[in-house]
PDB file of N, CA and C in Angstrom:
ATOM      1  N   MET A   1     126.359  92.795  85.340  1.00  0.00           N
ATOM      2  CA  MET A   1     124.290  92.221  85.129  1.00  0.00           C
ATOM      3  C   MET A   1     124.874  93.881  84.497  1.00  0.00           C
ATOM      4  N   LYS A   2     123.548  93.659  83.586  1.00  0.00           N
ATOM      5  CA  LYS A   2     123.263  94.988  82.981  1.00  0.00           C
ATOM      6  C   LYS A   2     121.545  95.183  83.560  1.00  0.00           C
ATOM      7  N   ALA A   3     121.625  96.516  83.385  1.00  0.00           N
ATOM      8  CA  ALA A   3     120.231  97.095  83.820  1.00  0.00           C
ATOM      9  C   ALA A   3     119.157  96.592  84.109  1.00  0.00           C
ATOM     10  N   THR A   4     118.929  96.169  82.549  1.00  0.00           N
ATOM     11  CA  THR A   4     117.727  95.530  81.795  1.00  0.00           C
ATOM     12  C   THR A   4     117.326  94.209  82.492  1.00  0.00           C
ATOM     13  N   THR A   5     118.860  93.476  82.466  1.00  0.00           N
ATOM     14  CA  THR A   5     118.544  92.004  83.821  1.00  0.00           C
ATOM     15  C   THR A   5     117.837  92.340  84.503  1.00  0.00           C
ATOM     16  N   LYS A   6     118.420  93.250  85.583  1.00  0.00           N
ATOM     17  CA  LYS A   6     118.477  93.061  86.656  1.00  0.00           C
ATOM     18  C   LYS A   6     116.431  93.981  87.096  1.00  0.00           C
ATOM     19  N   LEU A   7     115.901  94.246  86.399  1.00  0.00           N
ATOM     20  CA  LEU A   7     114.771  94.878  86.019  1.00  0.00           C
ATOM     21  C   LEU A   7     114.083  93.842  85.794  1.00  0.00           C
ATOM     22  N   TRP A   8     113.786  92.907  84.713  1.00  0.00           N
ATOM     23  CA  TRP A   8     113.557  91.564  84.100  1.00  0.00           C
ATOM     24  C   TRP A   8     113.107  91.082  85.864  1.00  0.00           C
ATOM     25  N   ILE A   9     113.908  90.408  86.529  1.00  0.00           N
ATOM     26  CA  ILE A   9     114.796  89.462  87.980  1.00  0.00           C
ATOM     27  C   ILE A   9     113.886  90.405  88.818  1.00  0.00           C
ATOM     28  N   GLY A  10     113.692  91.658  88.621  1.00  0.00           N
ATOM     29  CA  GLY A  10     113.134  92.507  89.817  1.00  0.00           C
ATOM     30  C   GLY A  10     111.264  92.481  90.117  1.00  0.00           C
ATOM     31  N   LEU A  11     111.217  91.945  88.590  1.00  0.00           N
ATOM     32  CA  LEU A  11     109.081  91.934  87.293  1.00  0.00           C
ATOM     33  C   LEU A  11     109.587  90.290  87.772  1.00  0.00           C
ATOM     34  N   LEU A  12     110.504  89.808  87.617  1.00  0.00           N
ATOM     35  CA  LEU A  12     109.839  88.326  87.621  1.00  0.00           C
ATOM     36  C   LEU A  12     110.097  88.147  89.521  1.00  0.00           C
ATOM     37  N   ALA A  13     110.547  88.811  90.234  1.00  0.00           N
ATOM     38  CA  ALA A  13     109.986  88.157  91.994  1.00  0.00           C
ATOM     39  C   ALA A  13     108.762  89.390  92.022  1.00  0.00           C
ATOM     40  N   LEU A  14     108.363  90.110  91.550  1.00  0.00           N
ATOM     41  CA  LEU A  14     107.508  90.694  92.057  1.00  0.00           C
ATOM     42  C   LEU A  14     105.787  89.814  91.409  1.00  0.00           C
ATOM     43  N   VAL A  15     105.902  89.377  90.270  1.00  0.00           N
ATOM     44  CA  VAL A  15     105.450  88.097  89.633  1.00  0.00           C
ATOM     45  C   VAL A  15     105.552  86.909  90.458  1.00  0.00           C
ATOM     46  N   VAL A  16     106.017  86.183  90.573  1.00  0.00           N
ATOM     47  CA  VAL A  16     106.387  84.932  91.544  1.00  0.00           C
ATOM     48  C   VAL A  16     105.664  85.998  93.102  1.00  0.00           C
ATOM     49  N   LEU A  17     105.952  86.879  93.663  1.00  0.00           N
ATOM     50  CA  LEU A  17     104.586  87.328  94.897  1.00  0.00           C
ATOM     51  C   LEU A  17     103.770  87.927  95.563  1.00  0.00           C
ATOM     52  N   SER A  18     103.247  87.592  93.895  1.00  0.00           N
ATOM     53  CA  SER A  18     102.317  88.356  93.490  1.00  0.00           C
ATOM     54  C   SER A  18     101.005  87.580  94.126  1.00  0.00           C
ATOM     55  N   PRO A  19     100.904  86.458  94.929  1.00  0.00           N
ATOM     56  CA  PRO A  19      99.892  85.777  95.976  1.00  0.00           C
ATOM     57  C   PRO A  19      99.921  86.343  96.876  1.00  0.00           C
ATOM     58  N   LEU A  20     100.947  86.076  97.667  1.00  0.00           N
ATOM     59  CA  LEU A  20     101.049  87.275  98.455  1.00  0.00           C
ATOM     60  C   LEU A  20      99.547  88.317  99.269  1.00  0.00           C
ATOM     61  N   GLY A  21      99.288  88.882  97.730  1.00  0.00           N
ATOM     62  CA  GLY A  21      97.811  89.368  97.519  1.00  0.00           C
ATOM     63  C   GLY A  21      96.134  88.707  98.240  1.00  0.00           C
ATOM     64  N   ILE A  22      96.619  87.235  98.267  1.00  0.00           N
ATOM     65  CA  ILE A  22      95.473  86.329  98.417  1.00  0.00           C
ATOM     66  C   ILE A  22      95.646  85.270  99.737  1.00  0.00           C
ATOM     67  N   VAL A  23      97.261  85.105 100.183  1.00  0.00           N
ATOM     68  CA  VAL A  23      97.460  84.139 100.626  1.00  0.00           C
ATOM     69  C   VAL A  23      97.560  85.275 102.174  1.00  0.00           C
ATOM     70  N   LEU A  24      97.737  86.392 102.124  1.00  0.00           N
ATOM     71  CA  LEU A  24      97.877  86.424 103.527  1.00  0.00           C
ATOM     72  C   LEU A  24      96.984  87.089 104.173  1.00  0.00           C
ATOM     73  N   PRO A  25      96.167  87.517 102.797  1.00  0.00           N
ATOM     74  CA  PRO A  25      94.566  87.655 104.009  1.00  0.00           C
ATOM     75  C   PRO A  25      93.946  86.252 104.798  1.00  0.00           C
ATOM     76  N   ALA A  26      93.481  85.513 103.019  1.00  0.00           N
ATOM     77  CA  ALA A  26      93.462  84.054 104.127  1.00  0.00           C
ATOM     78  C   ALA A  26      93.986  84.040 105.085  1.00  0.00           C
ATOM     79  N   LYS A  27      94.859  83.802 105.390  1.00  0.00           N
ATOM     80  CA  LYS A  27      95.841  83.384 106.711  1.00  0.00           C
ATOM     81  C   LYS A  27      95.678  84.095 108.003  1.00  0.00           C
ATOM     82  N   PHE A  28      95.708  85.242 107.526  1.00  0.00           N
ATOM     83  CA  PHE A  28      95.136  86.497 108.404  1.00  0.00           C
ATOM     84  C   PHE A  28      93.081  86.582 108.532  1.00  0.00           C
ATOM     85  N   GLY A  29      92.886  85.659 108.383  1.00  0.00           N
ATOM     86  CA  GLY A  29      91.703  86.530 108.097  1.00  0.00           C
ATOM     87  C   GLY A  29      90.855  87.701 107.643  1.00  0.00           C
ATOM     88  N   ALA A  30      91.260  88.396 107.082  1.00  0.00           N
ATOM     89  CA  ALA A  30      90.647  89.575 106.275  1.00  0.00           C
ATOM     90  C   ALA A  30      90.352  89.141 105.068  1.00  0.00           C
ATOM     91  N   GLU A  31      89.185  90.258 104.918  1.00  0.00           N
ATOM     92  CA  GLU A  31      88.317  90.257 104.210  1.00  0.00           C
ATOM     93  C   GLU A  31      88.292  90.065 102.464  1.00  0.00           C
ATOM     94  N   SER A  32      89.313  90.851 102.049  1.00  0.00           N
ATOM     95  CA  SER A  32      89.834  91.307 101.161  1.00  0.00           C
ATOM     96  C   SER A  32      91.665  92.209 100.850  1.00  0.00           C
ATOM     97  N   ALA A  33      92.579  91.661  99.814  1.00  0.00           N
ATOM     98  CA  ALA A  33      93.159  92.333  99.851  1.00  0.00           C
ATOM     99  C   ALA A  33      93.483  93.827 100.725  1.00  0.00           C
ATOM    100  N   TRP A  34      94.591  94.305 100.776  1.00  0.00           N
ATOM    101  CA  TRP A  34      94.517  95.892 101.152  1.00  0.00           C
ATOM    102  C   TRP A  34      94.555  96.619  99.671  1.00  0.00           C
ATOM    103  N   GLY A  35      93.193  97.573  99.397  1.00  0.00           N
ATOM    104  CA  GLY A  35      92.924  97.889  98.635  1.00  0.00           C
ATOM    105  C   GLY A  35      92.543  97.544  98.018  1.00  0.00           C
ATOM    106  N   GLU A  36      92.137  96.193  97.604  1.00  0.00           N
ATOM    107  CA  GLU A  36      91.183  96.020  96.072  1.00  0.00           C
ATOM    108  C   GLU A  36      90.018  95.877  96.649  1.00  0.00           C
ATOM    109  N   TRP A  37      89.304  96.490  97.610  1.00  0.00           N
ATOM    110  CA  TRP A  37      88.098  96.419  98.091  1.00  0.00           C
ATOM    111  C   TRP A  37      87.070  97.788  96.790  1.00  0.00           C
ATOM    112  N   SER A  38      85.581  96.233  97.597  1.00  0.00           N
ATOM    113  CA  SER A  38      84.737  96.254  96.418  1.00  0.00           C
ATOM    114  C   SER A  38      84.013  98.356  97.316  1.00  0.00           C
ATOM    115  N   GLY A  39      83.426  98.537  96.248  1.00  0.00           N
ATOM    116  CA  GLY A  39      82.129  99.720  96.540  1.00  0.00           C
ATOM    117  C   GLY A  39      81.708  99.729  98.053  1.00  0.00           C
ATOM    118  N   GLU A  40      81.145  98.629  98.543  1.00  0.00           N
ATOM    119  CA  GLU A  40      80.417  98.421  99.684  1.00  0.00           C
ATOM    120  C   GLU A  40      81.007  97.593 100.702  1.00  0.00           C
ATOM    121  N   GLU A  41      82.272  97.465 100.537  1.00  0.00           N
ATOM    122  CA  GLU A  41      83.754  97.144 101.737  1.00  0.00           C
ATOM    123  C   GLU A  41      84.041  98.621 102.054  1.00  0.00           C
ATOM    124  N   ILE A  42      84.416  98.925 100.448  1.00  0.00           N
ATOM    125  CA  ILE A  42      84.753 101.030 101.111  1.00  0.00           C
ATOM    126  C   ILE A  42      83.578 101.103 102.305  1.00  0.00           C
ATOM    127  N   GLN A  43      82.381 100.957 101.818  1.00  0.00           N
ATOM    128  CA  GLN A  43      81.206 101.601 103.071  1.00  0.00           C
ATOM    129  C   GLN A  43      81.065 101.199 104.355  1.00  0.00           C
ATOM    130  N   LYS A  44      81.335 100.536 104.395  1.00  0.00           N
ATOM    131  CA  LYS A  44      80.979  99.131 105.543  1.00  0.00           C
ATOM    132  C   LYS A  44      82.387  99.926 106.270  1.00  0.00           C
ATOM    133  N   LEU A  45      83.790  99.652 105.293  1.00  0.00           N
ATOM    134  CA  LEU A  45      84.673 100.254 106.209  1.00  0.00           C
ATOM    135  C   LEU A  45      84.702 101.647 106.839  1.00  0.00           C
ATOM    136  N   VAL A  46      84.709 103.511 105.528  1.00  0.00           N
ATOM    137  CA  VAL A  46      84.433 103.965 106.340  1.00  0.00           C
ATOM    138  C   VAL A  46      82.793 104.726 106.522  1.00  0.00           C
ATOM    139  N   GLY A  47      82.348 103.709 106.372  1.00  0.00           N
ATOM    140  CA  GLY A  47      81.581 104.521 106.752  1.00  0.00           C
ATOM    141  C   GLY A  47      79.826 104.976 105.499  1.00  0.00           C
ATOM    142  N   TYR A  48      80.943 105.809 104.229  1.00  0.00           N
ATOM    143  CA  TYR A  48      80.459 106.333 103.862  1.00  0.00           C
ATOM    144  C   TYR A  48      81.379 105.671 102.166  1.00  0.00           C
ATOM    145  N   LEU A  49      79.985 105.952 101.184  1.00  0.00           N
ATOM    146  CA  LEU A  49      81.513 105.932  99.303  1.00  0.00           C
ATOM    147  C   LEU A  49      81.058 106.906  98.944  1.00  0.00           C
ATOM    148  N   PRO A  50      82.532 107.327  98.786  1.00  0.00           N
ATOM    149  CA  PRO A  50      83.071 108.581  98.457  1.00  0.00           C
ATOM    150  C   PRO A  50      81.776 108.981  96.393  1.00  0.00           C
ATOM    151  N   SER A  51      80.937 110.222  96.563  1.00  0.00           N
ATOM    152  CA  SER A  51      80.820 110.301  95.630  1.00  0.00           C
ATOM    153  C   SER A  51      81.535 109.689  93.403  1.00  0.00           C
ATOM    154  N   GLY A  52      82.135 110.231  93.751  1.00  0.00           N
ATOM    155  CA  GLY A  52      83.306 109.912  92.398  1.00  0.00           C
ATOM    156  C   GLY A  52      83.991 108.631  92.086  1.00  0.00           C
ATOM    157  N   MET A  53      84.268 107.392  93.191  1.00  0.00           N
ATOM    158  CA  MET A  53      84.172 106.343  93.258  1.00  0.00           C
ATOM    159  C   MET A  53      82.794 105.739  93.095  1.00  0.00           C
ATOM    160  N   SER A  54      81.755 106.145  93.666  1.00  0.00           N
ATOM    161  CA  SER A  54      80.519 105.761  93.486  1.00  0.00           C
ATOM    162  C   SER A  54      79.991 106.108  91.574  1.00  0.00           C
ATOM    163  N   GLN A  55      80.223 106.944  90.862  1.00  0.00           N
ATOM    164  CA  GLN A  55      79.960 107.761  89.686  1.00  0.00           C
ATOM    165  C   GLN A  55      81.052 106.222  88.962  1.00  0.00           C
ATOM    166  N   LEU A  56      82.785 106.370  88.917  1.00  0.00           N
ATOM    167  CA  LEU A  56      83.292 106.559  87.859  1.00  0.00           C
ATOM    168  C   LEU A  56      83.418 104.420  88.041  1.00  0.00           C
ATOM    169  N   ALA A  57      82.665 103.801  89.566  1.00  0.00           N
ATOM    170  CA  ALA A  57      82.386 102.321  89.689  1.00  0.00           C
ATOM    171  C   ALA A  57      82.735 101.663  88.646  1.00  0.00           C
ATOM    172  N   ASP A  58      81.279 102.105  87.463  1.00  0.00           N
ATOM    173  CA  ASP A  58      81.320 100.981  86.194  1.00  0.00           C
ATOM    174  C   ASP A  58      81.434 101.206  85.619  1.00  0.00           C
ATOM    175  N   LEU A  59      82.268 102.309  85.673  1.00  0.00           N
ATOM    176  CA  LEU A  59      83.508 102.376  84.180  1.00  0.00           C
ATOM    177  C   LEU A  59      83.804 101.898  83.600  1.00  0.00           C
ATOM    178  N   TRP A  60      84.466 100.673  84.759  1.00  0.00           N
ATOM    179  CA  TRP A  60      85.830  99.281  83.757  1.00  0.00           C
ATOM    180  C   TRP A  60      85.897  97.980  84.570  1.00  0.00           C
ATOM    181  N   LYS A  61      85.433  97.371  83.315  1.00  0.00           N
ATOM    182  CA  LYS A  61      84.917  95.510  84.365  1.00  0.00           C
ATOM    183  C   LYS A  61      86.981  95.236  84.449  1.00  0.00           C
ATOM    184  N   ALA A  62      87.289  94.827  84.561  1.00  0.00           N
ATOM    185  CA  ALA A  62      88.443  93.773  84.406  1.00  0.00           C
ATOM    186  C   ALA A  62      88.526  92.859  84.076  1.00  0.00           C
ATOM    187  N   PRO A  63      89.071  92.311  83.297  1.00  0.00           N
ATOM    188  CA  PRO A  63      89.613  91.058  82.478  1.00  0.00           C
ATOM    189  C   PRO A  63      89.380  89.845  83.242  1.00  0.00           C
ATOM    190  N   LEU A  64      90.123  89.646  84.414  1.00  0.00           N
ATOM    191  CA  LEU A  64      90.460  88.459  85.414  1.00  0.00           C
ATOM    192  C   LEU A  64      90.172  89.556  87.267  1.00  0.00           C
ATOM    193  N   PRO A  65      88.302  89.400  86.705  1.00  0.00           N
ATOM    194  CA  PRO A  65      88.138  89.667  88.230  1.00  0.00           C
ATOM    195  C   PRO A  65      88.468  88.947  89.256  1.00  0.00           C
ATOM    196  N   GLY A  66      89.607  89.349  89.862  1.00  0.00           N
ATOM    197  CA  GLY A  66      89.367  88.501  90.901  1.00  0.00           C
ATOM    198  C   GLY A  66      90.930  88.244  90.728  1.00  0.00           C
ATOM    199  N   TYR A  67      91.819  88.340  89.879  1.00  0.00           N
ATOM    200  CA  TYR A  67      92.651  87.419  89.499  1.00  0.00           C
ATOM    201  C   TYR A  67      92.686  85.786  88.712  1.00  0.00           C
ATOM    202  N   ALA A  68      91.012  86.005  89.038  1.00  0.00           N
ATOM    203  CA  ALA A  68      91.132  84.437  88.549  1.00  0.00           C
ATOM    204  C   ALA A  68      90.432  84.727  87.289  1.00  0.00           C
ATOM    205  N   LEU A  69      90.365  82.906  86.783  1.00  0.00           N
ATOM    206  CA  LEU A  69      90.505  82.582  85.208  1.00  0.00           C
ATOM    207  C   LEU A  69      88.049  82.289  85.695  1.00  0.00           C
ATOM    208  N   ARG A  70      87.848  82.258  84.997  1.00  0.00           N
ATOM    209  CA  ARG A  70      86.117  81.695  85.099  1.00  0.00           C
ATOM    210  C   ARG A  70      86.393  80.210  85.609  1.00  0.00           C
ATOM    211  N   GLY A  71      85.345  81.056  86.572  1.00  0.00           N
ATOM    212  CA  GLY A  71      84.766  79.055  87.316  1.00  0.00           C
ATOM    213  C   GLY A  71      86.444  79.287  87.949  1.00  0.00           C
ATOM    214  N   GLN A  72      87.124  80.026  88.936  1.00  0.00           N
ATOM    215  CA  GLN A  72      88.121  79.319  89.121  1.00  0.00           C
ATOM    216  C   GLN A  72      87.968  80.425  90.895  1.00  0.00           C
ATOM    217  N   GLU A  73      87.203  81.134  90.842  1.00  0.00           N
ATOM    218  CA  GLU A  73      86.632  82.253  91.751  1.00  0.00           C
ATOM    219  C   GLU A  73      86.767  81.846  93.272  1.00  0.00           C
ATOM    220  N   SER A  74      85.929  80.264  92.972  1.00  0.00           N
ATOM    221  CA  SER A  74      86.254  79.551  94.613  1.00  0.00           C
ATOM    222  C   SER A  74      87.221  78.510  94.750  1.00  0.00           C
ATOM    223  N   ALA A  75      88.294  77.954  94.034  1.00  0.00           N
ATOM    224  CA  ALA A  75      88.836  77.136  93.684  1.00  0.00           C
ATOM    225  C   ALA A  75      89.880  77.449  95.186  1.00  0.00           C
ATOM    226  N   PRO A  76      90.021  76.383  95.369  1.00  0.00           N
ATOM    227  CA  PRO A  76      91.509  76.518  96.431  1.00  0.00           C
ATOM    228  C   PRO A  76      92.621  77.198  96.257  1.00  0.00           C
ATOM    229  N   LEU A  77      93.491  77.872  97.921  1.00  0.00           N
ATOM    230  CA  LEU A  77      94.372  79.048  97.771  1.00  0.00           C
ATOM    231  C   LEU A  77      95.385  78.931  96.933  1.00  0.00           C
ATOM    232  N   GLY A  78      95.510  77.465  96.371  1.00  0.00           N
ATOM    233  CA  GLY A  78      96.873  76.431  94.769  1.00  0.00           C
ATOM    234  C   GLY A  78      96.598  77.576  94.017  1.00  0.00           C
ATOM    235  N   ALA A  79      95.301  76.566  93.848  1.00  0.00           N
ATOM    236  CA  ALA A  79      95.411  77.384  92.347  1.00  0.00           C
ATOM    237  C   ALA A  79      94.456  78.671  92.432  1.00  0.00           C
ATOM    238  N   LEU A  80      95.067  79.192  92.801  1.00  0.00           N
ATOM    239  CA  LEU A  80      94.920  80.614  92.916  1.00  0.00           C
ATOM    240  C   LEU A  80      95.683  81.602  92.939  1.00  0.00           C
ATOM    241  N   SER A  81      96.651  81.315  93.346  1.00  0.00           N
ATOM    242  CA  SER A  81      97.683  81.230  93.707  1.00  0.00           C
ATOM    243  C   SER A  81      98.143  81.506  92.172  1.00  0.00           C
ATOM    244  N   LEU A  82      98.316  79.958  91.004  1.00  0.00           N
ATOM    245  CA  LEU A  82      98.643  79.983  89.679  1.00  0.00           C
ATOM    246  C   LEU A  82      97.869  81.877  88.967  1.00  0.00           C
ATOM    247  N   SER A  83      96.736  81.719  88.843  1.00  0.00           N
ATOM    248  CA  SER A  83      95.690  82.548  88.544  1.00  0.00           C
ATOM    249  C   SER A  83      97.078  84.378  89.053  1.00  0.00           C
ATOM    250  N   TYR A  84      96.756  84.283  90.259  1.00  0.00           N
ATOM    251  CA  TYR A  84      97.223  85.334  90.168  1.00  0.00           C
ATOM    252  C   TYR A  84      98.455  85.548  89.301  1.00  0.00           C
ATOM    253  N   ILE A  85      99.888  84.958  89.628  1.00  0.00           N
ATOM    254  CA  ILE A  85     101.247  85.143  88.604  1.00  0.00           C
ATOM    255  C   ILE A  85     101.019  84.741  87.579  1.00  0.00           C
ATOM    256  N   ALA A  86      99.789  83.998  86.778  1.00  0.00           N
ATOM    257  CA  ALA A  86      99.433  83.821  85.707  1.00  0.00           C
ATOM    258  C   ALA A  86      98.690  85.265  85.037  1.00  0.00           C
ATOM    259  N   SER A  87      98.100  85.641  85.679  1.00  0.00           N
ATOM    260  CA  SER A  87      97.357  87.777  85.894  1.00  0.00           C
ATOM    261  C   SER A  87      98.122  88.297  85.218  1.00  0.00           C
ATOM    262  N   GLY A  88      99.579  88.303  86.314  1.00  0.00           N
ATOM    263  CA  GLY A  88     100.912  89.363  86.500  1.00  0.00           C
ATOM    264  C   GLY A  88     101.907  88.670  84.897  1.00  0.00           C
ATOM    265  N   VAL A  89     102.452  87.854  84.673  1.00  0.00           N
ATOM    266  CA  VAL A  89     102.522  87.100  83.337  1.00  0.00           C
ATOM    267  C   VAL A  89     101.908  87.923  82.821  1.00  0.00           C
ATOM    268  N   LEU A  90     100.079  88.178  82.981  1.00  0.00           N
ATOM    269  CA  LEU A  90      99.881  88.674  80.982  1.00  0.00           C
ATOM    270  C   LEU A  90      99.235  89.761  81.166  1.00  0.00           C
ATOM    271  N   GLY A  91     100.016  91.082  82.333  1.00  0.00           N
ATOM    272  CA  GLY A  91     100.017  91.932  83.175  1.00  0.00           C
ATOM    273  C   GLY A  91     101.679  92.474  82.240  1.00  0.00           C
ATOM    274  N   VAL A  92     102.551  91.935  82.479  1.00  0.00           N
ATOM    275  CA  VAL A  92     103.375  92.514  82.576  1.00  0.00           C
ATOM    276  C   VAL A  92     103.784  92.468  81.163  1.00  0.00           C
ATOM    277  N   ALA A  93     103.633  91.339  80.852  1.00  0.00           N
ATOM    278  CA  ALA A  93     103.364  90.892  78.315  1.00  0.00           C
ATOM    279  C   ALA A  93     102.704  91.793  77.994  1.00  0.00           C
ATOM    280  N   VAL A  94     101.181  92.340  78.305  1.00  0.00           N
ATOM    281  CA  VAL A  94     100.424  93.802  77.722  1.00  0.00           C
ATOM    282  C   VAL A  94     101.336  94.999  77.961  1.00  0.00           C
ATOM    283  N   VAL A  95     101.972  95.186  79.157  1.00  0.00           N
ATOM    284  CA  VAL A  95     102.296  96.121  79.647  1.00  0.00           C
ATOM    285  C   VAL A  95     104.253  96.486  77.889  1.00  0.00           C
ATOM    286  N   VAL A  96     104.892  95.923  78.467  1.00  0.00           N
ATOM    287  CA  VAL A  96     106.079  95.251  78.244  1.00  0.00           C
ATOM    288  C   VAL A  96     105.594  95.225  76.027  1.00  0.00           C
ATOM    289  N   GLY A  97     104.528  95.111  75.697  1.00  0.00           N
ATOM    290  CA  GLY A  97     104.952  95.366  74.206  1.00  0.00           C
ATOM    291  C   GLY A  97     104.049  96.489  74.335  1.00  0.00           C
ATOM    292  N   VAL A  98     103.023  96.758  74.573  1.00  0.00           N
ATOM    293  CA  VAL A  98     102.359  97.771  74.690  1.00  0.00           C
ATOM    294  C   VAL A  98     103.528  99.469  74.479  1.00  0.00           C
ATOM    295  N   SER A  99     104.576  98.861  75.807  1.00  0.00           N
ATOM    296  CA  SER A  99     105.720  99.796  76.167  1.00  0.00           C
ATOM    297  C   SER A  99     106.749  99.831  74.608  1.00  0.00           C
ATOM    298  N   ILE A 100     106.650  98.864  73.629  1.00  0.00           N
ATOM    299  CA  ILE A 100     107.768  98.450  72.674  1.00  0.00           C
ATOM    300  C   ILE A 100     107.551  99.207  70.892  1.00  0.00           C
ATOM    301  N   LEU A 101     105.854  98.873  70.837  1.00  0.00           N
ATOM    302  CA  LEU A 101     105.249  99.710  69.618  1.00  0.00           C
ATOM    303  C   LEU A 101     105.063 100.767  69.771  1.00  0.00           C
ATOM    304  N   LEU A 102     104.739 101.575  71.232  1.00  0.00           N
ATOM    305  CA  LEU A 102     104.841 102.879  70.761  1.00  0.00           C
ATOM    306  C   LEU A 102     106.248 103.779  71.095  1.00  0.00           C
ATOM    307  N   GLY A 103     106.725 102.696  71.733  1.00  0.00           N
ATOM    308  CA  GLY A 103     108.908 103.034  70.871  1.00  0.00           C
ATOM    309  C   GLY A 103     109.257 103.149  70.116  1.00  0.00           C
ATOM    310  N   LYS A 104     108.314 102.026  68.861  1.00  0.00           N
ATOM    311  CA  LYS A 104     108.954 102.032  67.411  1.00  0.00           C
ATOM    312  C   LYS A 104     107.852 102.948  66.893  1.00  0.00           C
ATOM    313  N   ALA A 105     107.285 103.217  67.136  1.00  0.00           N
ATOM    314  CA  ALA A 105     106.296 104.154  66.626  1.00  0.00           C
ATOM    315  C   ALA A 105     105.963 105.455  66.807  1.00  0.00           C
ATOM    316  N   LEU A 106     106.609 106.376  68.047  1.00  0.00           N
ATOM    317  CA  LEU A 106     107.324 107.082  68.772  1.00  0.00           C
ATOM    318  C   LEU A 106     108.582 107.465  67.401  1.00  0.00           C
ATOM    319  N   ALA A 107     110.044 106.577  67.788  1.00  0.00           N
ATOM    320  CA  ALA A 107     110.650 106.199  66.771  1.00  0.00           C
ATOM    321  C   ALA A 107     110.918 106.587  65.227  1.00  0.00           C
ATOM    322  N   ARG A 108     109.794 105.493  64.785  1.00  0.00           N
ATOM    323  CA  ARG A 108     109.556 106.525  63.491  1.00  0.00           C
ATOM    324  C   ARG A 108     108.830 107.633  63.031  1.00  0.00           C
ATOM    325  N   ARG A 109     108.136 108.039  64.117  1.00  0.00           N
ATOM    326  CA  ARG A 109     107.959 109.272  63.558  1.00  0.00           C
ATOM    327  C   ARG A 109     109.286 110.373  63.585  1.00  0.00           C
ATOM    328  N   GLU A 110     109.759 109.975  64.959  1.00  0.00           N
ATOM    329  CA  GLU A 110     111.068 111.148  64.682  1.00  0.00           C
ATOM    330  C   GLU A 110     112.276 110.723  64.079  1.00  0.00           C
ATOM    331  N   SER A 111     112.706 109.740  63.505  1.00  0.00           N
ATOM    332  CA  SER A 111     113.295 109.377  62.073  1.00  0.00           C
ATOM    333  C   SER A 111     112.730 110.693  60.390  1.00  0.00           C
ATOM    334  N   SER A 112     111.662 110.356  61.419  1.00  0.00           N
ATOM    335  CA  SER A 112     110.780 110.687  59.658  1.00  0.00           C
ATOM    336  C   SER A 112     110.262 112.081  59.734  1.00  0.00           C
ATOM    337  N   ASP A 113     110.342 113.243  61.296  1.00  0.00           N
ATOM    338  CA  ASP A 113     110.301 114.319  60.930  1.00  0.00           C
ATOM    339  C   ASP A 113     111.910 115.176  61.585  1.00  0.00           C
ATOM    340  N   ALA A 114     112.284 114.192  61.254  1.00  0.00           N
ATOM    341  CA  ALA A 114     114.232 114.782  61.065  1.00  0.00           C
ATOM    342  C   ALA A 114     114.948 114.603  59.790  1.00  0.00           C
ATOM    343  N   SER A 115     114.160 114.571  58.707  1.00  0.00           N
ATOM    344  CA  SER A 115     114.348 114.240  57.598  1.00  0.00           C
ATOM    345  C   SER A 115     114.027 114.719  56.624  1.00  0.00           C
TER     346      SER A 115
END
């Protein structure tokens, strides 16, 4: 099996397993997925909010907040799982697309520099 085929299989497995980020916290009564805490949650957990985090908190707005499509934030867990998978597919597609475009641009630049 080619290395690229193994890579695609691994990426697909990660995308399909991504709903575990919402299923496991819901099953065990956790408030949110590990590492996906808001500033308020961190302040509650740790007792303070690091200054760098408070300064950069509003710098980026996620295109799919909570990995859910607009209006689905309070949907049943099964629908949210599908949104997680769709979000993963979209993320992989964006990263692969940007990588391909960047690779082609660098290849063209390298070939024109060699001439």
